[in-house]
PDB file of N, CA and C in Angstrom:
ATOM      1  N   MET A   1       7.868  -2.685  14.410  1.00  0.00           N
ATOM      2  CA  MET A   1       7.298  -2.398  13.117  1.00  0.00           C
ATOM      3  C   MET A   1       5.768  -2.626  13.188  1.00  0.00           C
ATOM      4  N   ALA A   2       5.020  -1.847  12.465  1.00  0.00           N
ATOM      5  CA  ALA A   2       3.600  -1.978  12.422  1.00  0.00           C
ATOM      6  C   ALA A   2       3.176  -2.434  10.990  1.00  0.00           C
ATOM      7  N   TYR A   3       1.990  -3.031  10.954  1.00  0.00           N
ATOM      8  CA  TYR A   3       1.444  -3.501   9.710  1.00  0.00           C
ATOM      9  C   TYR A   3       0.299  -2.654   9.271  1.00  0.00           C
ATOM     10  N   TYR A   4       0.117  -2.473   7.980  1.00  0.00           N
ATOM     11  CA  TYR A   4      -1.005  -1.711   7.392  1.00  0.00           C
ATOM     12  C   TYR A   4      -1.505  -2.471   6.195  1.00  0.00           C
ATOM     13  N   VAL A   5      -2.834  -2.298   5.989  1.00  0.00           N
ATOM     14  CA  VAL A   5      -3.483  -2.804   4.790  1.00  0.00           C
ATOM     15  C   VAL A   5      -3.720  -1.587   3.930  1.00  0.00           C
ATOM     16  N   ILE A   6      -3.265  -1.632   2.683  1.00  0.00           N
ATOM     17  CA  ILE A   6      -3.482  -0.528   1.785  1.00  0.00           C
ATOM     18  C   ILE A   6      -4.295  -0.961   0.625  1.00  0.00           C
ATOM     19  N   LEU A   7      -5.479  -0.348   0.457  1.00  0.00           N
ATOM     20  CA  LEU A   7      -6.366  -0.610  -0.660  1.00  0.00           C
ATOM     21  C   LEU A   7      -6.083   0.489  -1.670  1.00  0.00           C
ATOM     22  N   SER A   8      -5.746   0.117  -2.913  1.00  0.00           N
ATOM     23  CA  SER A   8      -5.395   1.143  -3.897  1.00  0.00           C
ATOM     24  C   SER A   8      -6.284   1.048  -5.116  1.00  0.00           C
ATOM     25  N   LYS A   9      -6.626   2.212  -5.646  1.00  0.00           N
ATOM     26  CA  LYS A   9      -7.503   2.292  -6.818  1.00  0.00           C
ATOM     27  C   LYS A   9      -6.740   3.159  -7.874  1.00  0.00           C
ATOM     28  N   LEU A  10      -6.505   2.573  -8.996  1.00  0.00           N
ATOM     29  CA  LEU A  10      -5.777   3.292 -10.088  1.00  0.00           C
ATOM     30  C   LEU A  10      -6.694   4.376 -10.647  1.00  0.00           C
ATOM     31  N   THR A  11      -6.067   5.546 -10.979  1.00  0.00           N
ATOM     32  CA  THR A  11      -6.721   6.523 -11.722  1.00  0.00           C
ATOM     33  C   THR A  11      -6.633   6.204 -13.259  1.00  0.00           C
ATOM     34  N   ASP A  12      -7.247   6.979 -14.091  1.00  0.00           N
ATOM     35  CA  ASP A  12      -7.081   6.752 -15.534  1.00  0.00           C
ATOM     36  C   ASP A  12      -5.637   6.738 -15.900  1.00  0.00           C
ATOM     37  N   GLU A  13      -4.877   7.712 -15.397  1.00  0.00           N
ATOM     38  CA  GLU A  13      -3.439   7.782 -15.658  1.00  0.00           C
ATOM     39  C   GLU A  13      -2.729   6.545 -15.153  1.00  0.00           C
ATOM     40  N   GLY A  14      -3.077   6.062 -13.985  1.00  0.00           N
ATOM     41  CA  GLY A  14      -2.444   4.873 -13.455  1.00  0.00           C
ATOM     42  C   GLY A  14      -2.734   3.612 -14.280  1.00  0.00           C
ATOM     43  N   ARG A  15      -3.962   3.503 -14.789  1.00  0.00           N
ATOM     44  CA  ARG A  15      -4.334   2.392 -15.654  1.00  0.00           C
ATOM     45  C   ARG A  15      -3.540   2.406 -16.925  1.00  0.00           C
ATOM     46  N   LYS A  16      -3.347   3.602 -17.506  1.00  0.00           N
ATOM     47  CA  LYS A  16      -2.554   3.711 -18.738  1.00  0.00           C
ATOM     48  C   LYS A  16      -1.086   3.265 -18.471  1.00  0.00           C
ATOM     49  N   THR A  17      -0.579   3.714 -17.366  1.00  0.00           N
ATOM     50  CA  THR A  17       0.818   3.347 -16.990  1.00  0.00           C
ATOM     51  C   THR A  17       0.938   1.851 -16.839  1.00  0.00           C
ATOM     52  N   ILE A  18       0.058   1.219 -16.116  1.00  0.00           N
ATOM     53  CA  ILE A  18       0.155  -0.252 -15.907  1.00  0.00           C
ATOM     54  C   ILE A  18      -0.048  -1.017 -17.188  1.00  0.00           C
ATOM     55  N   LYS A  19      -0.962  -0.529 -18.037  1.00  0.00           N
ATOM     56  CA  LYS A  19      -1.140  -1.246 -19.314  1.00  0.00           C
ATOM     57  C   LYS A  19       0.144  -1.205 -20.162  1.00  0.00           C
ATOM     58  N   GLU A  20       0.789  -0.003 -20.173  1.00  0.00           N
ATOM     59  CA  GLU A  20       2.013   0.156 -20.979  1.00  0.00           C
ATOM     60  C   GLU A  20       3.211  -0.477 -20.382  1.00  0.00           C
ATOM     61  N   LYS A  21       3.247  -0.505 -19.036  1.00  0.00           N
ATOM     62  CA  LYS A  21       4.431  -0.968 -18.319  1.00  0.00           C
ATOM     63  C   LYS A  21       4.031  -1.717 -17.031  1.00  0.00           C
ATOM     64  N   PRO A  22       3.549  -2.918 -17.108  1.00  0.00           N
ATOM     65  CA  PRO A  22       3.114  -3.667 -15.930  1.00  0.00           C
ATOM     66  C   PRO A  22       4.186  -3.790 -14.873  1.00  0.00           C
ATOM     67  N   GLY A  23       5.421  -3.830 -15.216  1.00  0.00           N
ATOM     68  CA  GLY A  23       6.518  -3.882 -14.210  1.00  0.00           C
ATOM     69  C   GLY A  23       6.635  -2.723 -13.356  1.00  0.00           C
ATOM     70  N   ARG A  24       5.939  -1.641 -13.647  1.00  0.00           N
ATOM     71  CA  ARG A  24       5.994  -0.402 -12.843  1.00  0.00           C
ATOM     72  C   ARG A  24       5.507  -0.679 -11.403  1.00  0.00           C
ATOM     73  N   ILE A  25       4.671  -1.693 -11.271  1.00  0.00           N
ATOM     74  CA  ILE A  25       4.232  -2.078  -9.948  1.00  0.00           C
ATOM     75  C   ILE A  25       5.402  -2.419  -9.023  1.00  0.00           C
ATOM     76  N   PHE A  26       6.345  -3.141  -9.556  1.00  0.00           N
ATOM     77  CA  PHE A  26       7.476  -3.594  -8.746  1.00  0.00           C
ATOM     78  C   PHE A  26       8.526  -2.488  -8.570  1.00  0.00           C
ATOM     79  N   GLU A  27       8.614  -1.558  -9.506  1.00  0.00           N
ATOM     80  CA  GLU A  27       9.437  -0.344  -9.352  1.00  0.00           C
ATOM     81  C   GLU A  27       8.915   0.478  -8.163  1.00  0.00           C
ATOM     82  N   VAL A  28       7.607   0.627  -8.109  1.00  0.00           N
ATOM     83  CA  VAL A  28       7.002   1.414  -6.969  1.00  0.00           C
ATOM     84  C   VAL A  28       7.286   0.704  -5.669  1.00  0.00           C
ATOM     85  N   ASN A  29       7.267  -0.643  -5.630  1.00  0.00           N
ATOM     86  CA  ASN A  29       7.542  -1.312  -4.383  1.00  0.00           C
ATOM     87  C   ASN A  29       9.014  -0.976  -3.907  1.00  0.00           C
ATOM     88  N   LYS A  30       9.936  -0.878  -4.834  1.00  0.00           N
ATOM     89  CA  LYS A  30      11.305  -0.529  -4.468  1.00  0.00           C
ATOM     90  C   LYS A  30      11.365   0.916  -3.957  1.00  0.00           C
ATOM     91  N   GLU A  31      10.577   1.804  -4.542  1.00  0.00           N
ATOM     92  CA  GLU A  31      10.486   3.174  -4.077  1.00  0.00           C
ATOM     93  C   GLU A  31       9.958   3.241  -2.644  1.00  0.00           C
ATOM     94  N   LEU A  32       8.938   2.409  -2.351  1.00  0.00           N
ATOM     95  CA  LEU A  32       8.377   2.318  -0.994  1.00  0.00           C
ATOM     96  C   LEU A  32       9.430   1.887  -0.015  1.00  0.00           C
ATOM     97  N   GLU A  33      10.209   0.891  -0.358  1.00  0.00           N
ATOM     98  CA  GLU A  33      11.273   0.440   0.546  1.00  0.00           C
ATOM     99  C   GLU A  33      12.257   1.561   0.844  1.00  0.00           C
ATOM    100  N   ALA A  34      12.565   2.421  -0.156  1.00  0.00           N
ATOM    101  CA  ALA A  34      13.434   3.514   0.107  1.00  0.00           C
ATOM    102  C   ALA A  34      12.814   4.544   1.081  1.00  0.00           C
ATOM    103  N   MET A  35      11.480   4.506   1.139  1.00  0.00           N
ATOM    104  CA  MET A  35      10.744   5.425   2.062  1.00  0.00           C
ATOM    105  C   MET A  35      10.596   4.766   3.441  1.00  0.00           C
ATOM    106  N   GLY A  36      11.058   3.538   3.589  1.00  0.00           N
ATOM    107  CA  GLY A  36      10.907   2.853   4.879  1.00  0.00           C
ATOM    108  C   GLY A  36       9.665   1.940   4.998  1.00  0.00           C
ATOM    109  N   VAL A  37       8.998   1.701   3.866  1.00  0.00           N
ATOM    110  CA  VAL A  37       7.797   0.852   3.887  1.00  0.00           C
ATOM    111  C   VAL A  37       8.089  -0.404   3.052  1.00  0.00           C
ATOM    112  N   LYS A  38       7.921  -1.516   3.708  1.00  0.00           N
ATOM    113  CA  LYS A  38       8.212  -2.851   3.060  1.00  0.00           C
ATOM    114  C   LYS A  38       6.959  -3.522   2.676  1.00  0.00           C
ATOM    115  N   VAL A  39       6.805  -3.882   1.390  1.00  0.00           N
ATOM    116  CA  VAL A  39       5.607  -4.579   0.922  1.00  0.00           C
ATOM    117  C   VAL A  39       5.796  -6.071   1.290  1.00  0.00           C
ATOM    118  N   LYS A  40       4.856  -6.546   2.121  1.00  0.00           N
ATOM    119  CA  LYS A  40       4.919  -7.954   2.547  1.00  0.00           C
ATOM    120  C   LYS A  40       4.107  -8.851   1.605  1.00  0.00           C
ATOM    121  N   GLU A  41       2.924  -8.387   1.232  1.00  0.00           N
ATOM    122  CA  GLU A  41       2.007  -9.141   0.332  1.00  0.00           C
ATOM    123  C   GLU A  41       1.384  -8.117  -0.607  1.00  0.00           C
ATOM    124  N   GLN A  42       1.116  -8.604  -1.849  1.00  0.00           N
ATOM    125  CA  GLN A  42       0.492  -7.708  -2.801  1.00  0.00           C
ATOM    126  C   GLN A  42      -0.468  -8.496  -3.702  1.00  0.00           C
ATOM    127  N   TYR A  43      -1.715  -8.073  -3.859  1.00  0.00           N
ATOM    128  CA  TYR A  43      -2.688  -8.804  -4.672  1.00  0.00           C
ATOM    129  C   TYR A  43      -3.397  -7.806  -5.582  1.00  0.00           C
ATOM    130  N   ALA A  44      -3.589  -8.217  -6.813  1.00  0.00           N
ATOM    131  CA  ALA A  44      -4.496  -7.522  -7.754  1.00  0.00           C
ATOM    132  C   ALA A  44      -5.886  -8.144  -7.456  1.00  0.00           C
ATOM    133  N   VAL A  45      -6.889  -7.270  -7.358  1.00  0.00           N
ATOM    134  CA  VAL A  45      -8.215  -7.735  -7.000  1.00  0.00           C
ATOM    135  C   VAL A  45      -9.295  -7.105  -7.917  1.00  0.00           C
ATOM    136  N   LEU A  46     -10.421  -7.769  -7.956  1.00  0.00           N
ATOM    137  CA  LEU A  46     -11.562  -7.252  -8.669  1.00  0.00           C
ATOM    138  C   LEU A  46     -12.473  -6.478  -7.676  1.00  0.00           C
ATOM    139  N   GLY A  47     -13.229  -5.558  -8.189  1.00  0.00           N
ATOM    140  CA  GLY A  47     -14.149  -4.808  -7.316  1.00  0.00           C
ATOM    141  C   GLY A  47     -13.801  -3.339  -7.275  1.00  0.00           C
ATOM    142  N   PRO A  48     -14.156  -2.671  -6.205  1.00  0.00           N
ATOM    143  CA  PRO A  48     -13.968  -1.209  -6.163  1.00  0.00           C
ATOM    144  C   PRO A  48     -12.445  -0.802  -6.059  1.00  0.00           C
ATOM    145  N   TYR A  49     -11.598  -1.714  -5.674  1.00  0.00           N
ATOM    146  CA  TYR A  49     -10.150  -1.440  -5.531  1.00  0.00           C
ATOM    147  C   TYR A  49      -9.431  -2.327  -6.497  1.00  0.00           C
ATOM    148  N   ASP A  50      -8.240  -1.888  -6.977  1.00  0.00           N
ATOM    149  CA  ASP A  50      -7.454  -2.665  -7.920  1.00  0.00           C
ATOM    150  C   ASP A  50      -6.335  -3.496  -7.256  1.00  0.00           C
ATOM    151  N   PHE A  51      -5.833  -3.052  -6.090  1.00  0.00           N
ATOM    152  CA  PHE A  51      -4.782  -3.773  -5.413  1.00  0.00           C
ATOM    153  C   PHE A  51      -5.010  -3.758  -3.922  1.00  0.00           C
ATOM    154  N   VAL A  52      -4.648  -4.852  -3.235  1.00  0.00           N
ATOM    155  CA  VAL A  52      -4.581  -4.954  -1.766  1.00  0.00           C
ATOM    156  C   VAL A  52      -3.135  -5.175  -1.432  1.00  0.00           C
ATOM    157  N   ASN A  53      -2.560  -4.337  -0.596  1.00  0.00           N
ATOM    158  CA  ASN A  53      -1.196  -4.532  -0.157  1.00  0.00           C
ATOM    159  C   ASN A  53      -1.119  -4.648   1.346  1.00  0.00           C
ATOM    160  N   ILE A  54      -0.287  -5.537   1.826  1.00  0.00           N
ATOM    161  CA  ILE A  54      -0.009  -5.609   3.235  1.00  0.00           C
ATOM    162  C   ILE A  54       1.458  -5.108   3.355  1.00  0.00           C
ATOM    163  N   VAL A  55       1.613  -4.046   4.125  1.00  0.00           N
ATOM    164  CA  VAL A  55       2.928  -3.453   4.228  1.00  0.00           C
ATOM    165  C   VAL A  55       3.363  -3.403   5.686  1.00  0.00           C
ATOM    166  N   GLU A  56       4.684  -3.216   5.896  1.00  0.00           N
ATOM    167  CA  GLU A  56       5.217  -3.032   7.245  1.00  0.00           C
ATOM    168  C   GLU A  56       6.007  -1.727   7.258  1.00  0.00           C
ATOM    169  N   ALA A  57       5.811  -0.940   8.283  1.00  0.00           N
ATOM    170  CA  ALA A  57       6.451   0.343   8.430  1.00  0.00           C
ATOM    171  C   ALA A  57       6.718   0.641   9.871  1.00  0.00           C
ATOM    172  N   PRO A  58       7.715   1.508  10.152  1.00  0.00           N
ATOM    173  CA  PRO A  58       8.062   1.812  11.535  1.00  0.00           C
ATOM    174  C   PRO A  58       6.963   2.539  12.312  1.00  0.00           C
ATOM    175  N   ASP A  59       6.166   3.374  11.597  1.00  0.00           N
ATOM    176  CA  ASP A  59       5.177   4.222  12.331  1.00  0.00           C
ATOM    177  C   ASP A  59       4.181   4.834  11.336  1.00  0.00           C
ATOM    178  N   ASN A  60       3.152   5.449  11.902  1.00  0.00           N
ATOM    179  CA  ASN A  60       2.094   6.099  11.104  1.00  0.00           C
ATOM    180  C   ASN A  60       2.640   7.199  10.243  1.00  0.00           C
ATOM    181  N   GLU A  61       3.643   7.972  10.767  1.00  0.00           N
ATOM    182  CA  GLU A  61       4.164   9.079  10.055  1.00  0.00           C
ATOM    183  C   GLU A  61       4.807   8.665   8.710  1.00  0.00           C
ATOM    184  N   THR A  62       5.552   7.494   8.788  1.00  0.00           N
ATOM    185  CA  THR A  62       6.211   6.969   7.554  1.00  0.00           C
ATOM    186  C   THR A  62       5.158   6.593   6.518  1.00  0.00           C
ATOM    187  N   VAL A  63       4.074   5.999   6.974  1.00  0.00           N
ATOM    188  CA  VAL A  63       3.030   5.598   6.009  1.00  0.00           C
ATOM    189  C   VAL A  63       2.277   6.845   5.537  1.00  0.00           C
ATOM    190  N   MET A  64       2.070   7.848   6.354  1.00  0.00           N
ATOM    191  CA  MET A  64       1.455   9.091   5.874  1.00  0.00           C
ATOM    192  C   MET A  64       2.287   9.772   4.793  1.00  0.00           C
ATOM    193  N   LYS A  65       3.595   9.816   4.995  1.00  0.00           N
ATOM    194  CA  LYS A  65       4.471  10.407   3.987  1.00  0.00           C
ATOM    195  C   LYS A  65       4.401   9.632   2.709  1.00  0.00           C
ATOM    196  N   MET A  66       4.445   8.315   2.784  1.00  0.00           N
ATOM    197  CA  MET A  66       4.316   7.429   1.633  1.00  0.00           C
ATOM    198  C   MET A  66       3.014   7.726   0.893  1.00  0.00           C
ATOM    199  N   SER A  67       1.914   7.827   1.627  1.00  0.00           N
ATOM    200  CA  SER A  67       0.602   8.003   1.000  1.00  0.00           C
ATOM    201  C   SER A  67       0.540   9.353   0.311  1.00  0.00           C
ATOM    202  N   VAL A  68       1.056  10.393   0.900  1.00  0.00           N
ATOM    203  CA  VAL A  68       1.057  11.700   0.250  1.00  0.00           C
ATOM    204  C   VAL A  68       1.930  11.684  -1.024  1.00  0.00           C
ATOM    205  N   GLU A  69       3.095  11.083  -0.924  1.00  0.00           N
ATOM    206  CA  GLU A  69       4.009  10.979  -2.066  1.00  0.00           C
ATOM    207  C   GLU A  69       3.354  10.250  -3.224  1.00  0.00           C
ATOM    208  N   LEU A  70       2.719   9.072  -2.993  1.00  0.00           N
ATOM    209  CA  LEU A  70       2.100   8.310  -4.027  1.00  0.00           C
ATOM    210  C   LEU A  70       0.829   9.042  -4.595  1.00  0.00           C
ATOM    211  N   GLY A  71       0.023   9.593  -3.618  1.00  0.00           N
ATOM    212  CA  GLY A  71      -1.184  10.330  -4.070  1.00  0.00           C
ATOM    213  C   GLY A  71      -0.879  11.542  -4.883  1.00  0.00           C
ATOM    214  N   ALA A  72       0.198  12.231  -4.618  1.00  0.00           N
ATOM    215  CA  ALA A  72       0.560  13.420  -5.327  1.00  0.00           C
ATOM    216  C   ALA A  72       0.923  13.144  -6.788  1.00  0.00           C
ATOM    217  N   ARG A  73       1.210  11.930  -7.081  1.00  0.00           N
ATOM    218  CA  ARG A  73       1.611  11.568  -8.495  1.00  0.00           C
ATOM    219  C   ARG A  73       0.345  11.496  -9.406  1.00  0.00           C
ATOM    220  N   GLY A  74      -0.847  11.372  -8.811  1.00  0.00           N
ATOM    221  CA  GLY A  74      -2.035  11.373  -9.594  1.00  0.00           C
ATOM    222  C   GLY A  74      -2.396  10.072 -10.305  1.00  0.00           C
ATOM    223  N   SER A  75      -1.645   8.979  -9.945  1.00  0.00           N
ATOM    224  CA  SER A  75      -1.878   7.732 -10.636  1.00  0.00           C
ATOM    225  C   SER A  75      -2.705   6.716  -9.787  1.00  0.00           C
ATOM    226  N   VAL A  76      -2.854   7.038  -8.485  1.00  0.00           N
ATOM    227  CA  VAL A  76      -3.505   6.122  -7.604  1.00  0.00           C
ATOM    228  C   VAL A  76      -4.161   6.797  -6.423  1.00  0.00           C
ATOM    229  N   GLU A  77      -5.227   6.242  -5.945  1.00  0.00           N
ATOM    230  CA  GLU A  77      -5.868   6.725  -4.696  1.00  0.00           C
ATOM    231  C   GLU A  77      -5.743   5.630  -3.654  1.00  0.00           C
ATOM    232  N   LEU A  78      -5.438   5.937  -2.465  1.00  0.00           N
ATOM    233  CA  LEU A  78      -5.119   4.969  -1.417  1.00  0.00           C
ATOM    234  C   LEU A  78      -6.110   5.086  -0.249  1.00  0.00           C
ATOM    235  N   LEU A  79      -6.409   3.955   0.373  1.00  0.00           N
ATOM    236  CA  LEU A  79      -7.130   3.868   1.615  1.00  0.00           C
ATOM    237  C   LEU A  79      -6.218   2.989   2.511  1.00  0.00           C
ATOM    238  N   THR A  80      -5.691   3.578   3.586  1.00  0.00           N
ATOM    239  CA  THR A  80      -4.738   2.859   4.435  1.00  0.00           C
ATOM    240  C   THR A  80      -5.372   2.539   5.766  1.00  0.00           C
ATOM    241  N   LEU A  81      -5.232   1.271   6.198  1.00  0.00           N
ATOM    242  CA  LEU A  81      -5.802   0.808   7.433  1.00  0.00           C
ATOM    243  C   LEU A  81      -4.703   0.237   8.320  1.00  0.00           C
ATOM    244  N   PRO A  82      -4.514   0.724   9.516  1.00  0.00           N
ATOM    245  CA  PRO A  82      -3.586   0.113  10.441  1.00  0.00           C
ATOM    246  C   PRO A  82      -4.114  -1.275  10.763  1.00  0.00           C
ATOM    247  N   ALA A  83      -3.189  -2.230  10.934  1.00  0.00           N
ATOM    248  CA  ALA A  83      -3.638  -3.617  11.155  1.00  0.00           C
ATOM    249  C   ALA A  83      -2.885  -4.189  12.375  1.00  0.00           C
ATOM    250  N   ILE A  84      -3.568  -5.105  13.094  1.00  0.00           N
ATOM    251  CA  ILE A  84      -2.917  -5.835  14.149  1.00  0.00           C
ATOM    252  C   ILE A  84      -3.191  -7.338  13.940  1.00  0.00           C
ATOM    253  N   ALA A  85      -2.217  -8.116  14.114  1.00  0.00           N
ATOM    254  CA  ALA A  85      -2.356  -9.607  13.950  1.00  0.00           C
ATOM    255  C   ALA A  85      -3.424 -10.089  14.906  1.00  0.00           C
ATOM    256  N   ALA A  86      -4.176 -11.058  14.493  1.00  0.00           N
ATOM    257  CA  ALA A  86      -5.270 -11.569  15.291  1.00  0.00           C
ATOM    258  C   ALA A  86      -4.800 -12.093  16.639  1.00  0.00           C
ATOM    259  N   ASP A  87      -3.626 -12.764  16.626  1.00  0.00           N
ATOM    260  CA  ASP A  87      -3.100 -13.264  17.915  1.00  0.00           C
ATOM    261  C   ASP A  87      -2.736 -12.133  18.906  1.00  0.00           C
ATOM    262  N   GLU A  88      -2.174 -11.064  18.342  1.00  0.00           N
ATOM    263  CA  GLU A  88      -1.898  -9.907  19.159  1.00  0.00           C
ATOM    264  C   GLU A  88      -3.220  -9.234  19.706  1.00  0.00           C
ATOM    265  N   PHE A  89      -4.186  -9.177  18.807  1.00  0.00           N
ATOM    266  CA  PHE A  89      -5.456  -8.647  19.232  1.00  0.00           C
ATOM    267  C   PHE A  89      -6.044  -9.430  20.334  1.00  0.00           C
ATOM    268  N   ALA A  90      -6.043 -10.788  20.235  1.00  0.00           N
ATOM    269  CA  ALA A  90      -6.549 -11.616  21.285  1.00  0.00           C
ATOM    270  C   ALA A  90      -5.842 -11.408  22.611  1.00  0.00           C
ATOM    271  N   LYS A  91      -4.538 -11.307  22.550  1.00  0.00           N
ATOM    272  CA  LYS A  91      -3.753 -11.073  23.783  1.00  0.00           C
ATOM    273  C   LYS A  91      -4.114  -9.778  24.474  1.00  0.00           C
ATOM    274  N   LYS A  92      -4.306  -8.744  23.650  1.00  0.00           N
ATOM    275  CA  LYS A  92      -4.627  -7.440  24.193  1.00  0.00           C
ATOM    276  C   LYS A  92      -6.068  -7.415  24.768  1.00  0.00           C
ATOM    277  N   MET A  93      -6.927  -8.306  24.352  1.00  0.00           N
ATOM    278  CA  MET A  93      -8.287  -8.311  24.836  1.00  0.00           C
ATOM    279  C   MET A  93      -8.438  -9.050  26.154  1.00  0.00           C
ATOM    280  N   LYS A  94      -7.417  -9.754  26.599  1.00  0.00           N
ATOM    281  CA  LYS A  94      -7.476 -10.475  27.851  1.00  0.00           C
ATOM    282  C   LYS A  94      -7.385  -9.538  29.009  1.00  0.00           C
TER     283      LYS A  94
END
């Protein structure tokens, strides 16, 4: 399994949804699991992005499909970064 950092920015529609139904965040997490993407950590943040998520998925293709599915809804914009644990990075640099 691979790890990814997903930075998400809510659209106006997404902000309305979260304001009316904050629990929607956790419903989406369940939908992601059905797509093969497991949310490991999730943070609401201040600044240019609204959420930072650390997820685990079997491959890039799974994350691409998830990104297209969520983006097509019009409620969120995503920036996805493949991630490698620092200890694995150090091992590969030797």
